[in-house]
Each structure stands twice: as structure tokens, then as C-alpha cells.
N, C-alpha and C. Protein backbone atom coordinates (compact mmCIF):
# COMPACT_ATOMS: atom_id res chain seq x y z
N PRO A 1 -5.88 55.03 -56.64
CA PRO A 1 -5.05 56.15 -56.27
C PRO A 1 -4.02 55.74 -55.21
N ALA A 2 -2.87 56.34 -55.33
CA ALA A 2 -1.77 56.06 -54.40
C ALA A 2 -2.04 56.74 -53.06
N ARG A 3 -1.73 56.03 -52.03
CA ARG A 3 -1.92 56.55 -50.68
C ARG A 3 -0.72 57.35 -50.23
N LYS A 4 -0.96 58.56 -49.67
CA LYS A 4 0.16 59.38 -49.18
C LYS A 4 0.56 58.90 -47.79
N GLU A 5 1.85 58.79 -47.62
CA GLU A 5 2.37 58.41 -46.32
C GLU A 5 2.45 59.64 -45.42
N ALA A 6 2.09 59.50 -44.16
CA ALA A 6 2.18 60.61 -43.21
C ALA A 6 3.65 60.85 -42.88
N ALA A 7 4.01 62.11 -42.85
CA ALA A 7 5.39 62.47 -42.52
C ALA A 7 5.67 62.18 -41.06
N VAL A 8 6.74 61.50 -40.81
CA VAL A 8 7.14 61.18 -39.44
C VAL A 8 8.11 62.26 -38.97
N PRO A 9 7.75 62.94 -37.87
CA PRO A 9 8.66 64.00 -37.40
C PRO A 9 9.98 63.41 -36.90
N ASN A 10 11.01 64.16 -37.10
CA ASN A 10 12.34 63.79 -36.61
C ASN A 10 12.44 64.30 -35.16
N TRP A 11 12.13 63.41 -34.21
CA TRP A 11 12.04 63.82 -32.81
C TRP A 11 13.37 64.29 -32.24
N SER A 12 14.45 63.73 -32.70
CA SER A 12 15.74 64.20 -32.17
C SER A 12 16.04 65.62 -32.66
N ALA A 13 15.62 65.96 -33.87
CA ALA A 13 15.79 67.33 -34.36
C ALA A 13 14.90 68.29 -33.58
N VAL A 14 13.67 67.87 -33.29
CA VAL A 14 12.76 68.71 -32.51
C VAL A 14 13.33 68.94 -31.10
N ALA A 15 13.84 67.87 -30.49
CA ALA A 15 14.43 67.99 -29.15
C ALA A 15 15.65 68.91 -29.19
N GLY A 16 16.45 68.81 -30.23
CA GLY A 16 17.62 69.68 -30.37
C GLY A 16 17.24 71.14 -30.49
N VAL A 17 16.20 71.43 -31.25
CA VAL A 17 15.74 72.81 -31.41
C VAL A 17 15.20 73.34 -30.09
N VAL A 18 14.43 72.53 -29.37
CA VAL A 18 13.89 72.95 -28.06
C VAL A 18 15.04 73.22 -27.08
N TRP A 19 16.02 72.31 -27.05
CA TRP A 19 17.17 72.49 -26.16
C TRP A 19 17.92 73.78 -26.50
N LEU A 20 18.21 73.99 -27.79
CA LEU A 20 18.91 75.21 -28.20
C LEU A 20 18.11 76.47 -27.86
N ALA A 21 16.80 76.41 -28.02
CA ALA A 21 15.95 77.55 -27.69
C ALA A 21 16.03 77.86 -26.20
N GLY A 22 16.04 76.83 -25.36
CA GLY A 22 16.18 77.03 -23.92
C GLY A 22 17.52 77.65 -23.55
N CYS A 23 18.58 77.13 -24.16
CA CYS A 23 19.93 77.69 -23.92
C CYS A 23 19.98 79.15 -24.34
N ALA A 24 19.46 79.43 -25.54
CA ALA A 24 19.48 80.80 -26.06
C ALA A 24 18.67 81.73 -25.17
N ALA A 25 17.54 81.25 -24.68
CA ALA A 25 16.70 82.09 -23.81
C ALA A 25 17.43 82.46 -22.53
N LEU A 26 18.08 81.50 -21.89
CA LEU A 26 18.79 81.78 -20.64
C LEU A 26 20.01 82.67 -20.87
N LEU A 27 20.75 82.42 -21.94
CA LEU A 27 21.91 83.27 -22.22
C LEU A 27 21.46 84.67 -22.64
N GLY A 28 20.34 84.76 -23.36
CA GLY A 28 19.79 86.07 -23.71
C GLY A 28 19.33 86.83 -22.47
N TYR A 29 18.70 86.11 -21.54
CA TYR A 29 18.29 86.72 -20.28
C TYR A 29 19.51 87.28 -19.54
N SER A 30 20.60 86.52 -19.55
CA SER A 30 21.83 86.99 -18.89
C SER A 30 22.35 88.26 -19.54
N ALA A 31 22.35 88.28 -20.86
CA ALA A 31 22.85 89.46 -21.58
C ALA A 31 21.97 90.68 -21.28
N LEU A 32 20.66 90.51 -21.30
CA LEU A 32 19.76 91.62 -20.99
C LEU A 32 19.92 92.09 -19.55
N SER A 33 20.09 91.15 -18.65
CA SER A 33 20.30 91.50 -17.24
C SER A 33 21.57 92.31 -17.06
N LEU A 34 22.61 91.91 -17.76
CA LEU A 34 23.88 92.64 -17.67
C LEU A 34 23.73 94.05 -18.23
N ILE A 35 23.01 94.19 -19.33
CA ILE A 35 22.77 95.52 -19.91
C ILE A 35 21.99 96.39 -18.93
N LYS A 36 20.93 95.84 -18.33
CA LYS A 36 20.14 96.60 -17.34
C LYS A 36 21.01 97.02 -16.15
N LEU A 37 21.85 96.11 -15.71
CA LEU A 37 22.72 96.42 -14.58
C LEU A 37 23.72 97.50 -14.95
N ARG A 38 24.31 97.40 -16.13
CA ARG A 38 25.27 98.42 -16.57
C ARG A 38 24.62 99.80 -16.65
N ILE A 39 23.37 99.85 -17.06
CA ILE A 39 22.63 101.12 -17.10
C ILE A 39 22.49 101.68 -15.69
N ARG A 40 22.19 100.82 -14.72
CA ARG A 40 22.08 101.27 -13.33
C ARG A 40 23.41 101.78 -12.78
N LEU A 41 24.50 101.29 -13.34
CA LEU A 41 25.82 101.64 -12.83
C LEU A 41 26.41 102.90 -13.47
N VAL A 42 25.68 103.47 -14.43
CA VAL A 42 26.16 104.71 -15.05
C VAL A 42 26.26 105.78 -13.96
N GLY A 43 27.38 106.45 -13.92
CA GLY A 43 27.58 107.50 -12.92
C GLY A 43 28.15 107.01 -11.60
N CYS A 44 28.51 105.72 -11.50
CA CYS A 44 29.11 105.25 -10.25
C CYS A 44 30.48 105.90 -10.09
N VAL A 45 30.89 106.06 -8.85
CA VAL A 45 32.14 106.74 -8.56
C VAL A 45 33.03 105.84 -7.71
N PRO A 46 34.36 105.97 -7.86
CA PRO A 46 35.26 105.18 -7.03
C PRO A 46 35.14 105.59 -5.56
N LEU A 47 35.26 104.61 -4.68
CA LEU A 47 35.28 104.89 -3.25
C LEU A 47 36.68 105.36 -2.89
N ALA A 48 36.77 106.50 -2.26
CA ALA A 48 38.07 107.10 -1.91
C ALA A 48 38.91 106.12 -1.10
N GLY A 49 40.15 105.98 -1.53
CA GLY A 49 41.10 105.14 -0.80
C GLY A 49 40.97 103.66 -1.06
N GLU A 50 40.09 103.26 -1.95
CA GLU A 50 39.87 101.84 -2.23
C GLU A 50 40.09 101.55 -3.71
N ARG A 51 40.73 100.44 -3.98
CA ARG A 51 40.89 100.00 -5.36
C ARG A 51 39.74 99.07 -5.73
N ARG A 52 39.22 99.23 -6.91
CA ARG A 52 38.20 98.34 -7.46
C ARG A 52 36.93 98.29 -6.62
N VAL A 53 36.59 99.43 -6.01
CA VAL A 53 35.34 99.57 -5.27
C VAL A 53 34.65 100.82 -5.79
N ARG A 54 33.37 100.67 -6.14
CA ARG A 54 32.59 101.79 -6.68
C ARG A 54 31.33 101.99 -5.86
N LEU A 55 30.91 103.25 -5.76
CA LEU A 55 29.63 103.60 -5.13
C LEU A 55 28.65 103.92 -6.25
N ALA A 56 27.45 103.35 -6.16
CA ALA A 56 26.43 103.56 -7.20
C ALA A 56 25.11 103.94 -6.54
N ASP A 57 24.40 104.87 -7.16
CA ASP A 57 23.15 105.37 -6.62
C ASP A 57 21.96 104.42 -6.82
N HIS A 58 21.95 103.67 -7.88
CA HIS A 58 20.73 102.95 -8.27
C HIS A 58 20.82 101.45 -8.08
N ILE A 59 21.49 101.02 -7.02
CA ILE A 59 21.56 99.59 -6.71
C ILE A 59 21.08 99.38 -5.28
N PRO A 60 20.35 98.30 -5.05
CA PRO A 60 19.79 98.07 -3.71
C PRO A 60 20.74 97.38 -2.74
N SER A 61 21.75 96.66 -3.26
CA SER A 61 22.63 95.93 -2.37
C SER A 61 24.02 95.79 -3.00
N PRO A 62 25.03 95.50 -2.17
CA PRO A 62 26.40 95.34 -2.68
C PRO A 62 26.52 94.08 -3.52
N PHE A 63 27.45 94.09 -4.45
CA PHE A 63 27.71 92.90 -5.24
C PHE A 63 29.06 93.02 -5.92
N VAL A 64 29.53 91.89 -6.45
CA VAL A 64 30.76 91.81 -7.22
C VAL A 64 30.36 91.57 -8.66
N LEU A 65 31.02 92.30 -9.57
CA LEU A 65 30.73 92.11 -10.99
C LEU A 65 32.04 92.10 -11.76
N GLY A 66 32.16 91.16 -12.67
CA GLY A 66 33.35 91.05 -13.51
C GLY A 66 34.03 89.72 -13.29
N LEU A 67 34.50 89.12 -14.38
CA LEU A 67 35.18 87.83 -14.28
C LEU A 67 36.68 87.98 -14.08
N PHE A 68 37.32 88.79 -14.91
CA PHE A 68 38.77 88.87 -14.90
C PHE A 68 39.31 89.96 -13.99
N ARG A 69 38.59 91.06 -13.91
CA ARG A 69 38.96 92.16 -13.01
C ARG A 69 37.72 92.56 -12.23
N PRO A 70 37.34 91.74 -11.26
CA PRO A 70 36.09 91.99 -10.54
C PRO A 70 36.12 93.31 -9.76
N VAL A 71 34.98 93.95 -9.71
CA VAL A 71 34.81 95.22 -9.01
C VAL A 71 33.68 95.03 -8.00
N VAL A 72 33.87 95.61 -6.82
CA VAL A 72 32.82 95.61 -5.79
C VAL A 72 32.01 96.88 -5.98
N TYR A 73 30.69 96.73 -6.07
CA TYR A 73 29.78 97.87 -6.15
C TYR A 73 28.99 97.94 -4.86
N LEU A 74 28.98 99.14 -4.27
CA LEU A 74 28.25 99.38 -3.03
C LEU A 74 27.17 100.43 -3.29
N PRO A 75 26.01 100.28 -2.64
CA PRO A 75 25.02 101.36 -2.73
C PRO A 75 25.62 102.62 -2.14
N SER A 76 25.40 103.75 -2.79
CA SER A 76 26.00 105.00 -2.29
C SER A 76 25.43 105.41 -0.94
N ASP A 77 24.24 104.89 -0.60
CA ASP A 77 23.66 105.24 0.70
C ASP A 77 24.03 104.24 1.81
N LEU A 78 24.98 103.35 1.52
CA LEU A 78 25.43 102.40 2.54
C LEU A 78 26.16 103.17 3.64
N PRO A 79 25.70 103.04 4.89
CA PRO A 79 26.36 103.77 5.97
C PRO A 79 27.83 103.38 6.10
N GLU A 80 28.67 104.36 6.38
CA GLU A 80 30.10 104.09 6.53
C GLU A 80 30.39 103.07 7.61
N SER A 81 29.54 103.02 8.63
CA SER A 81 29.75 102.08 9.73
C SER A 81 29.63 100.62 9.26
N GLU A 82 28.97 100.39 8.12
CA GLU A 82 28.78 99.04 7.61
C GLU A 82 29.80 98.67 6.54
N ARG A 83 30.53 99.62 6.04
CA ARG A 83 31.39 99.37 4.87
C ARG A 83 32.47 98.33 5.13
N ASP A 84 33.10 98.36 6.29
CA ASP A 84 34.21 97.45 6.54
C ASP A 84 33.78 95.99 6.40
N TYR A 85 32.69 95.60 7.07
CA TYR A 85 32.33 94.19 6.99
C TYR A 85 31.66 93.84 5.67
N ILE A 86 30.98 94.78 5.04
CA ILE A 86 30.40 94.50 3.72
C ILE A 86 31.53 94.32 2.69
N LEU A 87 32.55 95.19 2.76
CA LEU A 87 33.69 95.03 1.85
C LEU A 87 34.43 93.72 2.13
N LEU A 88 34.58 93.35 3.38
CA LEU A 88 35.23 92.09 3.70
C LEU A 88 34.44 90.92 3.11
N HIS A 89 33.13 90.97 3.21
CA HIS A 89 32.27 89.93 2.64
C HIS A 89 32.49 89.83 1.13
N GLU A 90 32.41 90.95 0.44
CA GLU A 90 32.54 90.95 -1.02
C GLU A 90 33.95 90.56 -1.46
N ARG A 91 34.94 91.00 -0.72
CA ARG A 91 36.33 90.62 -1.07
C ARG A 91 36.60 89.15 -0.81
N THR A 92 35.88 88.58 0.13
CA THR A 92 35.99 87.13 0.36
C THR A 92 35.48 86.38 -0.87
N HIS A 93 34.37 86.86 -1.45
CA HIS A 93 33.89 86.27 -2.70
C HIS A 93 34.98 86.32 -3.77
N ILE A 94 35.63 87.47 -3.89
CA ILE A 94 36.65 87.64 -4.92
C ILE A 94 37.85 86.73 -4.64
N ARG A 95 38.31 86.73 -3.40
CA ARG A 95 39.49 85.91 -3.05
C ARG A 95 39.22 84.43 -3.33
N ARG A 96 38.00 83.98 -3.09
CA ARG A 96 37.64 82.58 -3.31
C ARG A 96 37.24 82.30 -4.77
N ARG A 97 37.21 83.33 -5.56
CA ARG A 97 36.82 83.23 -6.97
C ARG A 97 35.38 82.74 -7.14
N ASP A 98 34.53 83.13 -6.20
CA ASP A 98 33.11 82.76 -6.28
C ASP A 98 32.45 83.33 -7.53
N HIS A 99 32.89 84.50 -7.97
CA HIS A 99 32.29 85.11 -9.15
C HIS A 99 32.55 84.26 -10.40
N VAL A 100 33.70 83.61 -10.46
CA VAL A 100 34.01 82.72 -11.59
C VAL A 100 33.20 81.43 -11.47
N THR A 101 33.18 80.87 -10.27
CA THR A 101 32.41 79.65 -10.03
C THR A 101 30.94 79.86 -10.38
N ARG A 102 30.40 81.02 -9.97
CA ARG A 102 28.99 81.30 -10.24
C ARG A 102 28.73 81.43 -11.73
N ALA A 103 29.62 82.07 -12.46
CA ALA A 103 29.45 82.21 -13.91
C ALA A 103 29.49 80.84 -14.59
N LEU A 104 30.43 80.00 -14.18
CA LEU A 104 30.50 78.65 -14.75
C LEU A 104 29.27 77.82 -14.39
N ALA A 105 28.80 77.98 -13.16
CA ALA A 105 27.59 77.26 -12.74
C ALA A 105 26.38 77.73 -13.55
N TRP A 106 26.29 79.04 -13.81
CA TRP A 106 25.18 79.54 -14.62
C TRP A 106 25.26 79.00 -16.04
N PHE A 107 26.47 78.88 -16.58
CA PHE A 107 26.62 78.28 -17.90
C PHE A 107 26.13 76.84 -17.89
N ALA A 108 26.44 76.09 -16.83
CA ALA A 108 25.94 74.72 -16.69
C ALA A 108 24.42 74.71 -16.63
N VAL A 109 23.82 75.68 -15.95
CA VAL A 109 22.36 75.78 -15.90
C VAL A 109 21.81 76.05 -17.31
N ALA A 110 22.47 76.94 -18.04
CA ALA A 110 22.00 77.27 -19.39
C ALA A 110 22.05 76.04 -20.30
N VAL A 111 23.08 75.21 -20.15
CA VAL A 111 23.21 74.01 -20.98
C VAL A 111 22.24 72.93 -20.52
N HIS A 112 22.04 72.81 -19.22
CA HIS A 112 21.18 71.76 -18.65
C HIS A 112 19.90 72.35 -18.06
N TRP A 113 19.34 73.33 -18.74
CA TRP A 113 18.16 74.06 -18.23
C TRP A 113 16.97 73.17 -17.95
N PHE A 114 16.91 72.04 -18.56
CA PHE A 114 15.78 71.11 -18.42
C PHE A 114 15.89 70.23 -17.17
N ASN A 115 17.02 70.29 -16.49
CA ASN A 115 17.27 69.41 -15.36
C ASN A 115 17.07 70.16 -14.04
N PRO A 116 16.03 69.85 -13.29
CA PRO A 116 15.78 70.57 -12.04
C PRO A 116 16.89 70.39 -11.01
N LEU A 117 17.63 69.30 -11.07
CA LEU A 117 18.72 69.11 -10.12
C LEU A 117 19.86 70.10 -10.36
N VAL A 118 20.09 70.50 -11.59
CA VAL A 118 21.12 71.49 -11.89
C VAL A 118 20.69 72.85 -11.34
N TRP A 119 19.41 73.19 -11.49
CA TRP A 119 18.88 74.44 -10.92
C TRP A 119 19.04 74.43 -9.40
N LEU A 120 18.69 73.31 -8.80
CA LEU A 120 18.81 73.19 -7.34
C LEU A 120 20.26 73.33 -6.90
N ALA A 121 21.17 72.68 -7.62
CA ALA A 121 22.60 72.78 -7.28
C ALA A 121 23.07 74.23 -7.40
N PHE A 122 22.63 74.94 -8.44
CA PHE A 122 23.00 76.34 -8.62
C PHE A 122 22.51 77.18 -7.44
N HIS A 123 21.28 76.99 -7.06
CA HIS A 123 20.70 77.73 -5.93
C HIS A 123 21.44 77.43 -4.63
N LEU A 124 21.66 76.15 -4.36
CA LEU A 124 22.31 75.77 -3.10
C LEU A 124 23.78 76.22 -3.06
N ALA A 125 24.46 76.16 -4.19
CA ALA A 125 25.85 76.61 -4.23
C ALA A 125 25.92 78.12 -3.93
N GLY A 126 25.01 78.90 -4.50
CA GLY A 126 24.98 80.34 -4.22
C GLY A 126 24.71 80.62 -2.75
N ARG A 127 23.77 79.88 -2.20
CA ARG A 127 23.45 80.05 -0.77
C ARG A 127 24.64 79.70 0.10
N ASP A 128 25.31 78.61 -0.23
CA ASP A 128 26.49 78.20 0.55
C ASP A 128 27.62 79.22 0.45
N MET A 129 27.81 79.79 -0.74
CA MET A 129 28.85 80.82 -0.91
C MET A 129 28.56 82.02 -0.03
N GLU A 130 27.30 82.45 -0.02
CA GLU A 130 26.92 83.60 0.80
C GLU A 130 27.13 83.32 2.28
N MET A 131 26.67 82.17 2.74
CA MET A 131 26.79 81.84 4.16
C MET A 131 28.26 81.67 4.56
N SER A 132 29.06 81.11 3.68
CA SER A 132 30.48 80.95 3.96
C SER A 132 31.17 82.30 4.09
N CYS A 133 30.81 83.25 3.23
CA CYS A 133 31.40 84.60 3.33
C CYS A 133 30.93 85.29 4.61
N ASP A 134 29.65 85.07 4.97
CA ASP A 134 29.14 85.63 6.23
C ASP A 134 29.95 85.10 7.41
N GLU A 135 30.21 83.80 7.41
CA GLU A 135 30.98 83.19 8.49
C GLU A 135 32.41 83.74 8.53
N ALA A 136 32.99 83.97 7.36
CA ALA A 136 34.35 84.52 7.30
C ALA A 136 34.39 85.93 7.89
N VAL A 137 33.36 86.72 7.63
CA VAL A 137 33.29 88.08 8.19
C VAL A 137 33.23 88.00 9.71
N LEU A 138 32.36 87.16 10.23
CA LEU A 138 32.21 87.05 11.69
C LEU A 138 33.48 86.51 12.33
N ARG A 139 34.14 85.57 11.67
CA ARG A 139 35.38 85.01 12.21
C ARG A 139 36.47 86.09 12.25
N LYS A 140 36.57 86.88 11.20
CA LYS A 140 37.65 87.88 11.13
C LYS A 140 37.36 89.11 12.00
N MET A 141 36.11 89.55 12.03
CA MET A 141 35.79 90.80 12.73
C MET A 141 35.28 90.58 14.15
N GLY A 142 34.99 89.34 14.50
CA GLY A 142 34.55 89.06 15.85
C GLY A 142 33.04 88.95 15.95
N ARG A 143 32.62 88.16 16.89
CA ARG A 143 31.20 87.89 17.09
C ARG A 143 30.42 89.13 17.56
N GLU A 144 31.12 90.12 18.09
CA GLU A 144 30.42 91.29 18.63
C GLU A 144 29.73 92.12 17.53
N ILE A 145 30.10 91.91 16.27
CA ILE A 145 29.41 92.65 15.19
C ILE A 145 28.20 91.89 14.66
N ARG A 146 27.92 90.73 15.24
CA ARG A 146 26.84 89.87 14.73
C ARG A 146 25.52 90.60 14.61
N ALA A 147 25.11 91.35 15.62
CA ALA A 147 23.83 92.04 15.57
C ALA A 147 23.81 93.12 14.48
N ASP A 148 24.89 93.89 14.40
CA ASP A 148 24.97 94.93 13.37
C ASP A 148 24.99 94.31 11.97
N TYR A 149 25.75 93.23 11.81
CA TYR A 149 25.85 92.57 10.52
C TYR A 149 24.49 92.00 10.10
N SER A 150 23.80 91.39 11.05
CA SER A 150 22.46 90.84 10.76
C SER A 150 21.49 91.94 10.36
N THR A 151 21.56 93.06 11.04
CA THR A 151 20.71 94.20 10.70
C THR A 151 21.01 94.69 9.28
N SER A 152 22.28 94.73 8.93
CA SER A 152 22.67 95.14 7.57
C SER A 152 22.12 94.17 6.53
N LEU A 153 22.24 92.86 6.80
CA LEU A 153 21.73 91.87 5.86
C LEU A 153 20.24 92.06 5.64
N LEU A 154 19.51 92.27 6.72
CA LEU A 154 18.06 92.48 6.60
C LEU A 154 17.74 93.75 5.82
N ARG A 155 18.41 94.82 6.16
CA ARG A 155 18.14 96.10 5.49
C ARG A 155 18.46 96.01 4.00
N LEU A 156 19.58 95.41 3.67
CA LEU A 156 19.99 95.32 2.27
C LEU A 156 19.10 94.37 1.48
N SER A 157 18.57 93.34 2.12
CA SER A 157 17.71 92.40 1.40
C SER A 157 16.34 93.01 1.10
N GLN A 158 15.93 94.03 1.85
CA GLN A 158 14.64 94.67 1.63
C GLN A 158 14.70 95.75 0.56
N GLY A 159 15.91 96.06 0.09
CA GLY A 159 16.07 97.12 -0.90
C GLY A 159 15.60 96.74 -2.29
N GLY A 160 15.36 95.48 -2.54
CA GLY A 160 14.96 95.03 -3.86
C GLY A 160 16.03 94.15 -4.47
N ARG A 161 15.69 93.56 -5.59
CA ARG A 161 16.62 92.65 -6.26
C ARG A 161 17.32 93.36 -7.40
N LEU A 162 18.52 92.92 -7.65
CA LEU A 162 19.27 93.43 -8.79
C LEU A 162 18.74 92.75 -10.06
N PRO A 163 18.82 93.43 -11.20
CA PRO A 163 18.41 92.78 -12.43
C PRO A 163 19.44 91.79 -12.94
N ALA A 164 20.52 91.59 -12.20
CA ALA A 164 21.62 90.78 -12.70
C ALA A 164 21.36 89.29 -12.64
N GLY A 165 20.41 88.85 -11.81
CA GLY A 165 20.09 87.44 -11.71
C GLY A 165 21.32 86.58 -11.51
N PRO A 166 21.75 85.86 -12.55
CA PRO A 166 22.86 84.93 -12.39
C PRO A 166 24.22 85.59 -12.38
N LEU A 167 24.30 86.86 -12.69
CA LEU A 167 25.60 87.48 -12.91
C LEU A 167 26.22 88.06 -11.65
N ALA A 168 25.45 88.21 -10.62
CA ALA A 168 25.99 88.81 -9.41
C ALA A 168 25.36 88.14 -8.21
N PHE A 169 26.05 88.23 -7.10
CA PHE A 169 25.49 87.70 -5.86
C PHE A 169 24.50 88.72 -5.33
N GLY A 170 23.48 88.23 -4.67
CA GLY A 170 22.51 89.13 -4.09
C GLY A 170 22.04 88.62 -2.76
N GLY A 171 21.14 89.37 -2.15
CA GLY A 171 20.66 89.13 -0.81
C GLY A 171 20.37 87.68 -0.46
N GLY A 172 19.83 86.92 -1.40
CA GLY A 172 19.52 85.54 -1.11
C GLY A 172 18.42 85.43 -0.06
N ASP A 173 18.63 84.57 0.91
CA ASP A 173 17.65 84.34 1.96
C ASP A 173 18.21 84.87 3.27
N PRO A 174 17.90 86.13 3.60
CA PRO A 174 18.51 86.73 4.79
C PRO A 174 18.14 86.02 6.08
N GLN A 175 16.95 85.42 6.15
CA GLN A 175 16.54 84.75 7.37
C GLN A 175 17.48 83.58 7.68
N ASN A 176 17.80 82.78 6.69
CA ASN A 176 18.72 81.65 6.91
C ASN A 176 20.14 82.14 7.15
N ARG A 177 20.54 83.22 6.48
CA ARG A 177 21.89 83.74 6.66
C ARG A 177 22.07 84.30 8.07
N ILE A 178 21.06 84.92 8.59
CA ILE A 178 21.14 85.48 9.95
C ILE A 178 21.16 84.36 10.95
């Protein structure tokens, strides 16, 4: 009787399927996160006297959303006394195009999801962007707001996380930022 040869798996095809599955999972996560966030933003209202700034009831912290026409979203319960420096922080992100950089970096993570150094670079870049915007606020508004600004960072970081994950900036690590 003839002997059957064992089928040899095509390892490069298996690796390609695993890689594509990882990419699809991360991009799918992003799409679902964006849908969840959009649901939370239903009913948001423009902030009087401000362009491209919205107040929303169901968000725990301020963030920028949108690539081509970014909009700043603020929690509707954000005290008016904090709005100036929070808006300055978020507008600094927009002026520096951090929202575009973050989206491109997330795409790099989705493509290189298997590489822990890419994840680390994504995390550190986000942290650096946040700290740089914090420094810009303090430089522009003066060191005397430092205590109030730090209190705001702490309060906003305790409100919970946005479902946006890679799509928006969030509280990050308030202890290091303070």
C-alpha cells in the first residue's frame, strides 16, 4: 500500500492570516469605540460664543474628536472657572495636529500590533502630547493657576474613561502630569 504524505502547513499563509486578524480586531475595536462615543454625544449642544466646541452630558472628560474638522467636547458639568484653561489645552492639541498624529500612530499600532515597542511608542507619544499641552497652558496662563489646573486634572481623571480608546485623548496618568 502507498504511504500518505503528511500535509505540510504553509506557515507564511498562517502568519498572514493571524496578522490580518490582529489588524482587523484593532480596527474593529476602533470602529466600535467610535460608535459608542457617538452615541454618548447624542444631544450635545454648542458652547455659546465658541466655534467647534460642544457640551455633552455623558462624557467624563474633555477631548478632541475629528480628523479634518476637529471639535472639542467638554463635559456639560465642567465648571465655567475651568473652561478657559481646558479649552486652551484642547486647542493646543488641535493647533499641533496631535489628533492627526494620534490617528496615524494608532494605524501604525494596528499594522504592527505584534510589536510591543510600537505599543510603547504609542503610549509614550500620547503621554508626551498631554504633558506638552499642560506645559503650554501653564506657560500661557501663568504659574498661579497650577493648583487649580492640577485639581481639574485629578477631578477629570476620576470621572471614568471614554470608550474612544485610540480615537481621542484622555486623562492618561494624572499623577505624572501634575
